[in-house]
Protein backbone atom coordinates (compact mmCIF):
# COMPACT_ATOMS: atom_id res chain seq x y z
CA MET A 1 106.06 118.66 75.61
CA ASP A 2 105.67 120.08 79.12
CA GLU A 3 108.02 118.78 81.79
CA PRO A 4 106.16 117.00 84.61
CA SER A 5 106.26 118.85 87.92
CA ILE A 6 108.21 117.43 90.85
CA ARG A 7 104.90 116.59 92.52
CA GLN A 8 103.85 114.58 89.48
CA LYS A 9 107.21 112.81 89.40
CA LEU A 10 107.05 111.87 93.06
CA THR A 11 103.46 110.68 92.71
CA ALA A 12 104.53 108.51 89.79
CA GLU A 13 107.32 107.02 91.92
CA VAL A 14 104.84 106.26 94.71
CA ILE A 15 102.45 104.57 92.28
CA GLY A 16 105.13 102.66 90.39
CA THR A 17 106.76 101.30 93.54
CA ALA A 18 103.36 100.40 94.98
CA PHE A 19 102.61 98.42 91.81
CA LEU A 20 105.99 96.68 92.07
CA VAL A 21 105.43 95.60 95.67
CA PHE A 22 101.76 94.67 95.29
CA ILE A 23 102.30 92.49 92.20
CA GLY A 24 105.87 91.32 92.69
CA VAL A 25 106.06 90.86 96.45
CA GLY A 26 102.37 89.93 96.60
CA SER A 27 103.01 87.02 94.25
CA VAL A 28 105.00 85.32 97.04
CA PRO A 29 102.16 84.87 99.59
CA ALA A 30 99.70 84.36 96.73
CA THR A 31 101.77 81.41 95.51
CA LEU A 32 102.03 79.97 99.01
CA ILE A 33 98.26 80.33 99.52
CA VAL A 34 97.47 78.56 96.26
CA ASN A 35 100.06 75.82 96.93
CA GLY A 36 98.67 75.01 100.35
CA ASN A 37 100.82 72.24 101.79
CA ALA A 38 102.50 71.46 98.48
CA PRO A 39 106.28 71.97 98.40
CA PHE A 40 107.71 75.17 96.93
CA THR A 41 109.36 74.39 93.59
CA MET A 42 111.50 76.07 90.94
CA ALA A 43 108.31 76.49 88.91
CA ASP A 44 106.86 78.56 91.76
CA LEU A 45 110.02 80.69 91.88
CA GLY A 46 109.75 81.13 88.12
CA MET A 47 106.18 82.42 88.38
CA ILE A 48 107.16 84.85 91.15
CA SER A 49 110.10 86.08 89.08
CA PHE A 50 107.79 86.46 86.07
CA ALA A 51 105.34 88.55 88.13
CA PHE A 52 108.16 90.91 89.11
CA ALA A 53 109.33 91.14 85.50
CA LEU A 54 105.88 91.89 84.11
CA VAL A 55 105.07 94.63 86.60
CA VAL A 56 108.47 96.27 86.03
CA ILE A 57 107.90 96.25 82.27
CA ALA A 58 104.41 97.70 82.67
CA ALA A 59 105.60 100.39 85.10
CA VAL A 60 108.47 101.52 82.86
CA TYR A 61 106.19 102.03 79.88
CA ALA A 62 103.34 103.51 81.91
CA LEU A 63 105.29 105.91 84.13
CA GLY A 64 108.76 106.27 82.64
CA HIS A 65 107.85 109.41 80.74
CA VAL A 66 106.68 111.04 83.98
CA SER A 67 109.38 110.31 86.57
CA GLY A 68 111.87 108.05 84.83
CA CYS A 69 110.27 105.14 86.72
CA HIS A 70 113.22 104.54 89.00
CA ILE A 71 110.97 102.76 91.57
CA ASN A 72 114.20 101.72 93.31
CA PRO A 73 116.50 103.87 95.49
CA ALA A 74 119.50 101.96 94.13
CA VAL A 75 118.65 103.17 90.62
CA THR A 76 118.13 106.73 91.87
CA VAL A 77 121.48 106.73 93.70
CA GLY A 78 123.17 105.20 90.68
CA LEU A 79 121.83 107.88 88.34
CA ALA A 80 122.87 110.61 90.77
CA THR A 81 126.35 109.09 91.08
CA ALA A 82 126.73 109.25 87.31
CA GLY A 83 125.51 112.84 87.16
CA LYS A 84 122.30 111.94 85.33
CA PHE A 85 119.99 112.88 88.19
CA PRO A 86 120.24 115.79 90.66
CA TRP A 87 121.36 114.79 94.15
CA ARG A 88 119.01 117.38 95.65
CA GLN A 89 116.03 115.30 94.43
CA VAL A 90 117.35 111.97 95.71
CA PRO A 91 115.83 112.22 99.24
CA ALA A 92 112.38 113.07 97.85
CA TYR A 93 112.53 110.23 95.30
CA VAL A 94 113.64 107.71 97.93
CA ALA A 95 110.89 108.85 100.31
CA ALA A 96 108.32 108.47 97.53
CA GLN A 97 109.60 105.00 96.70
CA VAL A 98 109.47 103.83 100.33
CA THR A 99 105.97 105.30 100.66
CA GLY A 100 104.88 103.41 97.57
CA ALA A 101 106.39 100.19 98.93
CA VAL A 102 104.46 100.59 102.18
CA LEU A 103 101.22 101.20 100.29
CA GLY A 104 101.87 98.21 98.07
CA ALA A 105 102.42 96.00 101.11
CA VAL A 106 99.18 97.25 102.66
CA ALA A 107 97.39 96.42 99.40
CA ILE A 108 98.64 92.84 99.67
CA ILE A 109 96.95 92.53 103.08
CA VAL A 110 93.77 94.13 101.72
CA VAL A 111 93.54 91.64 98.84
CA LEU A 112 94.91 88.43 100.40
CA GLY A 113 93.98 89.05 104.03
CA LYS A 114 95.97 88.37 107.18
CA LYS A 115 96.96 85.00 105.79
CA ALA A 116 99.44 86.86 103.61
CA SER A 117 101.11 88.15 106.77
CA ASP A 118 100.96 84.70 108.37
CA LEU A 119 102.89 83.40 105.35
CA GLY A 120 105.57 86.09 105.64
CA LEU A 121 104.16 88.80 103.33
CA GLY A 122 107.03 88.21 100.91
CA VAL A 123 109.46 89.97 103.26
CA ALA A 124 113.04 89.72 102.05
CA GLN A 125 115.23 87.80 104.48
CA TYR A 126 118.05 85.31 104.62
CA GLY A 127 117.93 82.15 106.71
CA GLY A 128 120.10 80.97 109.55
CA THR A 129 122.39 78.99 107.23
CA VAL A 130 123.24 82.17 105.27
CA HIS A 131 125.67 84.53 106.98
CA TRP A 132 125.69 88.27 106.34
CA PRO A 133 128.75 88.34 104.00
CA GLN A 134 127.02 85.90 101.65
CA ALA A 135 123.76 87.85 101.87
CA PHE A 136 125.61 91.11 101.25
CA GLY A 137 127.35 89.60 98.24
CA ALA A 138 124.13 88.21 96.79
CA GLU A 139 122.25 91.50 97.09
CA PHE A 140 125.24 93.50 95.83
CA ILE A 141 125.70 91.34 92.73
CA GLY A 142 121.99 91.20 91.94
CA THR A 143 121.50 94.94 92.35
CA PHE A 144 124.70 95.70 90.43
CA ILE A 145 123.45 93.71 87.43
CA LEU A 146 120.06 95.42 87.53
CA VAL A 147 121.43 98.97 87.69
CA PHE A 148 124.11 98.20 85.10
CA VAL A 149 121.38 97.05 82.71
CA VAL A 150 119.40 100.22 83.40
CA PHE A 151 122.40 102.32 82.40
CA GLY A 152 122.89 100.25 79.28
CA VAL A 153 119.34 100.63 78.03
CA ILE A 154 119.15 104.40 78.64
CA HIS A 155 122.40 105.07 76.78
CA ARG A 156 121.94 107.13 73.62
CA ASN A 157 123.32 104.28 71.48
CA ALA A 158 120.98 101.65 72.93
CA THR A 159 118.23 100.16 70.78
CA ALA A 160 115.21 102.40 71.20
CA GLY A 161 111.95 101.14 72.65
CA PHE A 162 113.19 98.07 74.51
CA ALA A 163 114.20 99.57 77.85
CA GLY A 164 111.23 98.22 79.78
CA VAL A 165 111.57 94.72 78.36
CA ALA A 166 115.32 94.57 79.02
CA ILE A 167 114.97 95.79 82.61
CA GLY A 168 112.07 93.43 83.30
CA PHE A 169 113.93 90.42 81.91
CA ALA A 170 116.99 91.36 83.97
CA VAL A 171 114.82 91.37 87.11
CA PHE A 172 113.41 87.95 86.15
CA ALA A 173 116.87 86.44 85.67
CA ILE A 174 118.36 87.97 88.82
CA ILE A 175 115.57 86.71 91.07
CA ILE A 176 115.95 83.14 89.78
CA VAL A 177 119.55 83.01 91.01
CA VAL A 178 119.58 85.35 94.03
CA ALA A 179 116.21 84.54 95.65
CA PRO A 180 117.33 81.23 97.23
CA THR A 181 119.90 83.20 99.26
CA THR A 182 118.22 86.51 100.18
CA SER A 183 114.76 86.54 98.52
CA ALA A 184 116.37 88.83 95.90
CA SER A 185 115.12 92.18 97.12
CA ILE A 186 117.61 94.17 94.97
CA ASN A 187 115.66 97.28 95.96
CA PRO A 188 115.84 99.12 99.33
CA ALA A 189 112.24 100.33 99.10
CA ARG A 190 110.99 96.81 98.39
CA THR A 191 113.01 95.68 101.42
CA ILE A 192 111.64 98.29 103.84
CA GLY A 193 107.95 98.49 102.89
CA PRO A 194 106.91 94.86 103.47
CA MET A 195 109.09 94.65 106.61
CA LEU A 196 107.29 97.62 108.15
CA ILE A 197 103.80 96.34 107.34
CA GLN A 198 104.69 92.83 108.47
CA GLN A 199 105.78 94.27 111.82
CA ILE A 200 102.55 96.26 112.16
CA TRP A 201 100.47 93.15 111.40
CA GLY A 202 102.28 91.21 114.11
CA GLY A 203 104.56 89.11 111.94
CA THR A 204 108.17 88.21 112.57
CA VAL A 205 110.71 90.65 111.11
CA HIS A 206 114.50 90.32 111.30
CA TRP A 207 115.37 94.01 111.51
CA THR A 208 119.03 93.24 112.12
CA GLN A 209 119.22 92.08 108.51
CA LEU A 210 118.00 95.40 107.12
CA PRO A 211 121.41 97.19 107.16
CA VAL A 212 122.90 94.37 105.09
CA TYR A 213 120.26 94.81 102.41
CA ILE A 214 120.36 98.60 102.36
CA ALA A 215 124.15 98.87 102.30
CA ALA A 216 124.60 96.21 99.62
CA GLU A 217 121.89 97.61 97.35
CA LEU A 218 122.86 101.29 97.55
CA LEU A 219 126.58 100.56 97.17
CA ALA A 220 125.81 98.33 94.20
CA GLY A 221 123.79 101.11 92.55
CA ALA A 222 126.69 103.53 92.82
CA ALA A 223 129.23 100.90 91.75
CA ALA A 224 127.19 99.94 88.69
CA ALA A 225 127.02 103.60 87.64
CA LEU A 226 130.79 103.94 87.87
CA ALA A 227 131.40 100.60 86.16
CA PHE A 228 129.16 101.44 83.23
CA GLY A 229 130.85 104.80 82.93
CA ALA A 230 134.19 103.03 82.65
CA VAL A 231 132.91 100.49 80.12
CA SER A 232 131.20 103.11 77.95
CA ARG A 233 134.18 105.48 78.31
CA THR A 234 131.96 108.30 79.52
CA SER A 235 131.01 108.51 83.19
CA VAL A 236 128.84 111.58 82.59
CA ASP A 237 127.26 111.65 79.15
CA GLN A 238 125.27 114.86 78.81
CA HIS A 239 123.55 113.57 75.70
CA ALA A 240 122.27 110.34 77.19
CA PRO A 241 118.62 110.22 78.27
CA SER A 242 118.05 110.43 82.02
CA ASN A 243 115.33 107.80 82.15
CA ALA A 244 114.19 104.66 80.44
CA ALA A 245 111.07 106.30 79.01
CA ASP A 246 113.13 108.41 76.60
CA LEU A 247 113.72 105.20 74.65
CA VAL A 248 110.05 104.24 74.51
CA PRO A 249 108.46 104.78 71.09
CA ALA A 250 106.21 107.83 70.94
CA GLU A 251 103.15 105.74 70.11
CA VAL A 252 103.35 103.74 73.37
């Protein structure tokens, strides 16, 4: 089987991250639009979490065999930290992911209109009652769990074919717990894209919160890589697959 070119890989990362933001982040204003003046409930949070989970599962199986379907700079940095991804490709992957997140946020406006921006566009933020150490901790823990799960499912001894499901379910579970504190971004690209488009469309954006998200998420990605290496007793396993798609059955 021919190896995809770097251009194909980067295009896949753009598309996958755009899907993630459009469906996952877009489910936030969509829910608020449908609810109208009704109060936001745990059921609403569950549906938003489910939207994120489903699009992650779909993206892994659809694009994993092309680019590895990182669609998250924290995953890319984690893989590079563990020696499973070349550092020289990290900047290009991250740029592609941020580009995809921007396009996904634009697509939300195209489909839901300016009302999506009026309702916050699903921008990740923490409120005035949450101070930055708590926000940092929430994003670090959530991202750590996500990247740790990614490493677990791409290990050569992991059950084949369930990588996408496991990662998607992890995203679902993390959002349920972390979202009340920080909106559960757990992804630097997902953080940046909607913030940028919300600013362009005239919405309120708390840019001073961005460093907290980025630092927590990228550090968590690297920490999860090192932690899984310690748990699995091999920080750099040359025989382990480098992306989740290597565990997807050939018929998918």
